[in-house]
């Protein structure tokens, strides 16, 4: 896959089409940024899920302790 993109980039530069190359480069940057944002969102969802599980276990522990007393 990397070879494919490298070939496109080299062809655009060799043909002297710098404006197309810049559009291509900006497109690549946008794709990388989107990928990073998706990864961060997934990480946030996972962290919230873990926090919810921990909160539930703390509440259950407190409820069990109150029932024992």
PDB file of N, CA and C in Angstrom:
ATOM      1  N   UNK A   1       0.822  -1.188   0.000  1.00  0.00           N
ATOM      2  CA  UNK A   1       0.000   0.000   0.000  1.00  0.00           C
ATOM      3  C   UNK A   1       0.870   1.258   0.000  1.00  0.00           C
ATOM      4  N   UNK A   2       1.950   1.217   0.802  1.00  0.00           N
ATOM      5  CA  UNK A   2       2.838   2.377   0.858  1.00  0.00           C
ATOM      6  C   UNK A   2       3.503   2.596  -0.493  1.00  0.00           C
ATOM      7  N   UNK A   3       3.875   1.505  -1.159  1.00  0.00           N
ATOM      8  CA  UNK A   3       4.500   1.630  -2.481  1.00  0.00           C
ATOM      9  C   UNK A   3       3.547   2.294  -3.468  1.00  0.00           C
ATOM     10  N   UNK A   4       2.275   1.969  -3.360  1.00  0.00           N
ATOM     11  CA  UNK A   4       1.267   2.538  -4.250  1.00  0.00           C
ATOM     12  C   UNK A   4       1.218   4.056  -4.098  1.00  0.00           C
ATOM     13  N   UNK A   5       1.154   4.515  -2.848  1.00  0.00           N
ATOM     14  CA  UNK A   5       1.092   5.957  -2.602  1.00  0.00           C
ATOM     15  C   UNK A   5       2.405   6.643  -2.976  1.00  0.00           C
ATOM     16  N   UNK A   6       3.527   5.965  -2.712  1.00  0.00           N
ATOM     17  CA  UNK A   6       4.817   6.539  -3.077  1.00  0.00           C
ATOM     18  C   UNK A   6       4.916   6.711  -4.586  1.00  0.00           C
ATOM     19  N   UNK A   7       4.408   5.732  -5.324  1.00  0.00           N
ATOM     20  CA  UNK A   7       4.440   5.798  -6.789  1.00  0.00           C
ATOM     21  C   UNK A   7       3.601   6.976  -7.295  1.00  0.00           C
ATOM     22  N   UNK A   8       2.429   7.160  -6.734  1.00  0.00           N
ATOM     23  CA  UNK A   8       1.569   8.286  -7.127  1.00  0.00           C
ATOM     24  C   UNK A   8       2.273   9.606  -6.840  1.00  0.00           C
ATOM     25  N   UNK A   9       2.870   9.710  -5.649  1.00  0.00           N
ATOM     26  CA  UNK A   9       3.554  10.942  -5.263  1.00  0.00           C
ATOM     27  C   UNK A   9       4.720  11.243  -6.206  1.00  0.00           C
ATOM     28  N   UNK A  10       5.504  10.228  -6.538  1.00  0.00           N
ATOM     29  CA  UNK A  10       6.647  10.439  -7.429  1.00  0.00           C
ATOM     30  C   UNK A  10       6.195  10.817  -8.833  1.00  0.00           C
ATOM     31  N   UNK A  11       5.124  10.207  -9.306  1.00  0.00           N
ATOM     32  CA  UNK A  11       4.621  10.545 -10.642  1.00  0.00           C
ATOM     33  C   UNK A  11       4.160  11.997 -10.698  1.00  0.00           C
ATOM     34  N   UNK A  12       3.472  12.439  -9.682  1.00  0.00           N
ATOM     35  CA  UNK A  12       2.993  13.821  -9.656  1.00  0.00           C
ATOM     36  C   UNK A  12       4.155  14.812  -9.623  1.00  0.00           C
ATOM     37  N   UNK A  13       5.183  14.494  -8.853  1.00  0.00           N
ATOM     38  CA  UNK A  13       6.330  15.402  -8.784  1.00  0.00           C
ATOM     39  C   UNK A  13       7.126  15.400 -10.081  1.00  0.00           C
ATOM     40  N   UNK A  14       7.277  14.221 -10.704  1.00  0.00           N
ATOM     41  CA  UNK A  14       8.049  14.126 -11.944  1.00  0.00           C
ATOM     42  C   UNK A  14       7.349  14.828 -13.103  1.00  0.00           C
ATOM     43  N   UNK A  15       6.036  14.835 -13.090  1.00  0.00           N
ATOM     44  CA  UNK A  15       5.273  15.466 -14.172  1.00  0.00           C
ATOM     45  C   UNK A  15       5.167  16.976 -13.975  1.00  0.00           C
ATOM     46  N   UNK A  16       5.683  17.481 -12.882  1.00  0.00           N
ATOM     47  CA  UNK A  16       5.641  18.918 -12.633  1.00  0.00           C
ATOM     48  C   UNK A  16       4.282  19.417 -12.192  1.00  0.00           C
ATOM     49  N   UNK A  17       3.467  18.555 -11.668  1.00  0.00           N
ATOM     50  CA  UNK A  17       2.127  18.940 -11.218  1.00  0.00           C
ATOM     51  C   UNK A  17       2.160  19.155  -9.706  1.00  0.00           C
ATOM     52  N   UNK A  18       2.808  20.234  -9.318  1.00  0.00           N
ATOM     53  CA  UNK A  18       2.965  20.473  -7.885  1.00  0.00           C
ATOM     54  C   UNK A  18       1.643  20.797  -7.198  1.00  0.00           C
ATOM     55  N   UNK A  19       0.726  21.435  -7.907  1.00  0.00           N
ATOM     56  CA  UNK A  19      -0.559  21.751  -7.268  1.00  0.00           C
ATOM     57  C   UNK A  19      -1.325  20.477  -6.960  1.00  0.00           C
ATOM     58  N   UNK A  20      -1.265  19.498  -7.861  1.00  0.00           N
ATOM     59  CA  UNK A  20      -1.920  18.214  -7.592  1.00  0.00           C
ATOM     60  C   UNK A  20      -1.216  17.499  -6.444  1.00  0.00           C
ATOM     61  N   UNK A  21       0.116  17.629  -6.407  1.00  0.00           N
ATOM     62  CA  UNK A  21       0.868  16.997  -5.324  1.00  0.00           C
ATOM     63  C   UNK A  21       0.477  17.598  -3.981  1.00  0.00           C
ATOM     64  N   UNK A  22       0.339  18.921  -3.925  1.00  0.00           N
ATOM     65  CA  UNK A  22      -0.041  19.552  -2.668  1.00  0.00           C
ATOM     66  C   UNK A  22      -1.442  19.128  -2.244  1.00  0.00           C
ATOM     67  N   UNK A  23      -2.350  18.990  -3.193  1.00  0.00           N
ATOM     68  CA  UNK A  23      -3.698  18.502  -2.873  1.00  0.00           C
ATOM     69  C   UNK A  23      -3.621  17.081  -2.323  1.00  0.00           C
ATOM     70  N   UNK A  24      -2.782  16.267  -2.951  1.00  0.00           N
ATOM     71  CA  UNK A  24      -2.586  14.889  -2.510  1.00  0.00           C
ATOM     72  C   UNK A  24      -2.005  14.871  -1.092  1.00  0.00           C
ATOM     73  N   UNK A  25      -0.989  15.716  -0.855  1.00  0.00           N
ATOM     74  CA  UNK A  25      -0.347  15.766   0.458  1.00  0.00           C
ATOM     75  C   UNK A  25      -1.329  16.218   1.532  1.00  0.00           C
ATOM     76  N   UNK A  26      -2.131  17.215   1.220  1.00  0.00           N
ATOM     77  CA  UNK A  26      -3.136  17.687   2.181  1.00  0.00           C
ATOM     78  C   UNK A  26      -4.155  16.587   2.462  1.00  0.00           C
ATOM     79  N   UNK A  27      -4.530  15.842   1.434  1.00  0.00           N
ATOM     80  CA  UNK A  27      -5.448  14.724   1.623  1.00  0.00           C
ATOM     81  C   UNK A  27      -4.872  13.675   2.552  1.00  0.00           C
ATOM     82  N   UNK A  28      -3.588  13.369   2.399  1.00  0.00           N
ATOM     83  CA  UNK A  28      -2.940  12.399   3.280  1.00  0.00           C
ATOM     84  C   UNK A  28      -2.929  12.900   4.718  1.00  0.00           C
ATOM     85  N   UNK A  29      -2.615  14.171   4.892  1.00  0.00           N
ATOM     86  CA  UNK A  29      -2.577  14.742   6.242  1.00  0.00           C
ATOM     87  C   UNK A  29      -3.958  14.680   6.885  1.00  0.00           C
ATOM     88  N   UNK A  30      -4.984  14.992   6.119  1.00  0.00           N
ATOM     89  CA  UNK A  30      -6.356  14.941   6.637  1.00  0.00           C
ATOM     90  C   UNK A  30      -6.715  13.516   7.053  1.00  0.00           C
ATOM     91  N   UNK A  31      -6.327  12.534   6.249  1.00  0.00           N
ATOM     92  CA  UNK A  31      -6.620  11.143   6.599  1.00  0.00           C
ATOM     93  C   UNK A  31      -5.917  10.729   7.889  1.00  0.00           C
ATOM     94  N   UNK A  32      -4.689  11.144   8.059  1.00  0.00           N
ATOM     95  CA  UNK A  32      -3.955  10.811   9.285  1.00  0.00           C
ATOM     96  C   UNK A  32      -4.616  11.464  10.493  1.00  0.00           C
ATOM     97  N   UNK A  33      -5.001  12.718  10.363  1.00  0.00           N
ATOM     98  CA  UNK A  33      -5.656  13.426  11.471  1.00  0.00           C
ATOM     99  C   UNK A  33      -6.980  12.757  11.821  1.00  0.00           C
ATOM    100  N   UNK A  34      -7.745  12.371  10.821  1.00  0.00           N
ATOM    101  CA  UNK A  34      -9.020  11.685  11.074  1.00  0.00           C
ATOM    102  C   UNK A  34      -8.774  10.371  11.806  1.00  0.00           C
ATOM    103  N   UNK A  35      -7.753   9.635  11.388  1.00  0.00           N
ATOM    104  CA  UNK A  35      -7.416   8.382  12.060  1.00  0.00           C
ATOM    105  C   UNK A  35      -7.046   8.592  13.514  1.00  0.00           C
ATOM    106  N   UNK A  36      -6.270   9.622  13.781  1.00  0.00           N
ATOM    107  CA  UNK A  36      -5.877   9.921  15.160  1.00  0.00           C
ATOM    108  C   UNK A  36      -7.092  10.313  15.991  1.00  0.00           C
ATOM    109  N   UNK A  37      -7.982  11.127  15.431  1.00  0.00           N
ATOM    110  CA  UNK A  37      -9.182  11.538  16.164  1.00  0.00           C
ATOM    111  C   UNK A  37     -10.089  10.349  16.466  1.00  0.00           C
ATOM    112  N   UNK A  38     -10.205   9.423  15.525  1.00  0.00           N
ATOM    113  CA  UNK A  38     -11.011   8.220  15.762  1.00  0.00           C
ATOM    114  C   UNK A  38     -10.395   7.393  16.885  1.00  0.00           C
ATOM    115  N   UNK A  39      -9.070   7.237  16.868  1.00  0.00           N
ATOM    116  CA  UNK A  39      -8.397   6.469  17.917  1.00  0.00           C
ATOM    117  C   UNK A  39      -8.586   7.123  19.281  1.00  0.00           C
ATOM    118  N   UNK A  40      -8.497   8.434  19.339  1.00  0.00           N
ATOM    119  CA  UNK A  40      -8.708   9.135  20.608  1.00  0.00           C
ATOM    120  C   UNK A  40     -10.136   8.973  21.113  1.00  0.00           C
ATOM    121  N   UNK A  41     -11.104   9.016  20.211  1.00  0.00           N
ATOM    122  CA  UNK A  41     -12.503   8.848  20.611  1.00  0.00           C
ATOM    123  C   UNK A  41     -12.755   7.444  21.147  1.00  0.00           C
ATOM    124  N   UNK A  42     -12.184   6.445  20.485  1.00  0.00           N
ATOM    125  CA  UNK A  42     -12.334   5.063  20.951  1.00  0.00           C
ATOM    126  C   UNK A  42     -11.700   4.908  22.325  1.00  0.00           C
ATOM    127  N   UNK A  43     -10.537   5.519  22.515  1.00  0.00           N
ATOM    128  CA  UNK A  43      -9.872   5.456  23.814  1.00  0.00           C
ATOM    129  C   UNK A  43     -10.720   6.118  24.897  1.00  0.00           C
ATOM    130  N   UNK A  44     -11.342   7.231  24.578  1.00  0.00           N
ATOM    131  CA  UNK A  44     -12.202   7.928  25.537  1.00  0.00           C
ATOM    132  C   UNK A  44     -13.402   7.067  25.908  1.00  0.00           C
ATOM    133  N   UNK A  45     -14.022   6.448  24.910  1.00  0.00           N
ATOM    134  CA  UNK A  45     -15.165   5.571  25.190  1.00  0.00           C
ATOM    135  C   UNK A  45     -14.742   4.411  26.088  1.00  0.00           C
ATOM    136  N   UNK A  46     -13.589   3.838  25.809  1.00  0.00           N
ATOM    137  CA  UNK A  46     -13.104   2.720  26.607  1.00  0.00           C
ATOM    138  C   UNK A  46     -12.836   3.163  28.042  1.00  0.00           C
ATOM    139  N   UNK A  47     -12.223   4.316  28.209  1.00  0.00           N
ATOM    140  CA  UNK A  47     -11.930   4.827  29.543  1.00  0.00           C
ATOM    141  C   UNK A  47     -13.217   5.112  30.316  1.00  0.00           C
ATOM    142  N   UNK A  48     -14.219   5.669  29.657  1.00  0.00           N
ATOM    143  CA  UNK A  48     -15.501   5.928  30.313  1.00  0.00           C
ATOM    144  C   UNK A  48     -16.165   4.623  30.733  1.00  0.00           C
ATOM    145  N   UNK A  49     -16.061   3.615  29.894  1.00  0.00           N
ATOM    146  CA  UNK A  49     -16.637   2.314  30.226  1.00  0.00           C
ATOM    147  C   UNK A  49     -15.958   1.726  31.458  1.00  0.00           C
ATOM    148  N   UNK A  50     -14.631   1.813  31.501  1.00  0.00           N
ATOM    149  CA  UNK A  50     -13.907   1.308  32.670  1.00  0.00           C
ATOM    150  C   UNK A  50     -14.266   2.100  33.923  1.00  0.00           C
ATOM    151  N   UNK A  51     -14.422   3.399  33.794  1.00  0.00           N
ATOM    152  CA  UNK A  51     -14.815   4.226  34.941  1.00  0.00           C
ATOM    153  C   UNK A  51     -16.211   3.864  35.429  1.00  0.00           C
ATOM    154  N   UNK A  52     -17.134   3.593  34.498  1.00  0.00           N
ATOM    155  CA  UNK A  52     -18.495   3.197  34.883  1.00  0.00           C
ATOM    156  C   UNK A  52     -18.489   1.865  35.613  1.00  0.00           C
ATOM    157  N   UNK A  53     -17.682   0.932  35.141  1.00  0.00           N
ATOM    158  CA  UNK A  53     -17.593  -0.377  35.798  1.00  0.00           C
ATOM    159  C   UNK A  53     -17.029  -0.214  37.205  1.00  0.00           C
ATOM    160  N   UNK A  54     -15.996   0.604  37.338  1.00  0.00           N
ATOM    161  CA  UNK A  54     -15.394   0.835  38.650  1.00  0.00           C
ATOM    162  C   UNK A  54     -16.381   1.518  39.591  1.00  0.00           C
ATOM    163  N   UNK A  55     -17.124   2.485  39.087  1.00  0.00           N
ATOM    164  CA  UNK A  55     -18.123   3.176  39.910  1.00  0.00           C
ATOM    165  C   UNK A  55     -19.202   2.210  40.375  1.00  0.00           C
ATOM    166  N   UNK A  56     -19.636   1.337  39.487  1.00  0.00           N
ATOM    167  CA  UNK A  56     -20.666   0.362  39.848  1.00  0.00           C
ATOM    168  C   UNK A  56     -20.167  -0.581  40.930  1.00  0.00           C
ATOM    169  N   UNK A  57     -18.924  -1.017  40.823  1.00  0.00           N
ATOM    170  CA  UNK A  57     -18.398  -1.929  41.835  1.00  0.00           C
ATOM    171  C   UNK A  57     -18.243  -1.223  43.180  1.00  0.00           C
ATOM    172  N   UNK A  58     -17.892   0.050  43.173  1.00  0.00           N
ATOM    173  CA  UNK A  58     -17.780   0.807  44.427  1.00  0.00           C
ATOM    174  C   UNK A  58     -19.151   0.964  45.072  1.00  0.00           C
ATOM    175  N   UNK A  59     -20.161   1.279  44.270  1.00  0.00           N
ATOM    176  CA  UNK A  59     -21.519   1.433  44.798  1.00  0.00           C
ATOM    177  C   UNK A  59     -22.018   0.106  45.368  1.00  0.00           C
ATOM    178  N   UNK A  60     -21.761  -0.990  44.676  1.00  0.00           N
ATOM    179  CA  UNK A  60     -22.176  -2.303  45.183  1.00  0.00           C
ATOM    180  C   UNK A  60     -21.446  -2.639  46.477  1.00  0.00           C
ATOM    181  N   UNK A  61     -20.184  -2.304  46.550  1.00  0.00           N
ATOM    182  CA  UNK A  61     -19.414  -2.561  47.765  1.00  0.00           C
ATOM    183  C   UNK A  61     -19.967  -1.759  48.936  1.00  0.00           C
ATOM    184  N   UNK A  62     -20.293  -0.507  48.702  1.00  0.00           N
ATOM    185  CA  UNK A  62     -20.874   0.333  49.759  1.00  0.00           C
ATOM    186  C   UNK A  62     -22.234  -0.217  50.180  1.00  0.00           C
ATOM    187  N   UNK A  63     -23.043  -0.633  49.215  1.00  0.00           N
ATOM    188  CA  UNK A  63     -24.364  -1.189  49.535  1.00  0.00           C
ATOM    189  C   UNK A  63     -24.222  -2.463  50.360  1.00  0.00           C
ATOM    190  N   UNK A  64     -23.281  -3.319  50.000  1.00  0.00           N
ATOM    191  CA  UNK A  64     -23.069  -4.554  50.765  1.00  0.00           C
ATOM    192  C   UNK A  64     -22.582  -4.250  52.177  1.00  0.00           C
ATOM    193  N   UNK A  65     -21.695  -3.273  52.313  1.00  0.00           N
ATOM    194  CA  UNK A  65     -21.211  -2.902  53.644  1.00  0.00           C
ATOM    195  C   UNK A  65     -22.341  -2.343  54.507  1.00  0.00           C
ATOM    196  N   UNK A  66     -23.233  -1.555  53.908  1.00  0.00           N
ATOM    197  CA  UNK A  66     -24.356  -1.005  54.664  1.00  0.00           C
ATOM    198  C   UNK A  66     -25.321  -2.102  55.096  1.00  0.00           C
ATOM    199  N   UNK A  67     -25.510  -3.117  54.250  1.00  0.00           N
ATOM    200  CA  UNK A  67     -26.406  -4.218  54.607  1.00  0.00           C
ATOM    201  C   UNK A  67     -25.829  -5.035  55.756  1.00  0.00           C
ATOM    202  N   UNK A  68     -24.518  -5.184  55.793  1.00  0.00           N
ATOM    203  CA  UNK A  68     -23.875  -5.950  56.868  1.00  0.00           C
ATOM    204  C   UNK A  68     -23.995  -5.233  58.208  1.00  0.00           C
ATOM    205  N   UNK A  69     -23.962  -3.915  58.164  1.00  0.00           N
ATOM    206  CA  UNK A  69     -24.040  -3.147  59.418  1.00  0.00           C
ATOM    207  C   UNK A  69     -25.459  -3.058  59.826  1.00  0.00           C
TER     208      UNK A  69
END
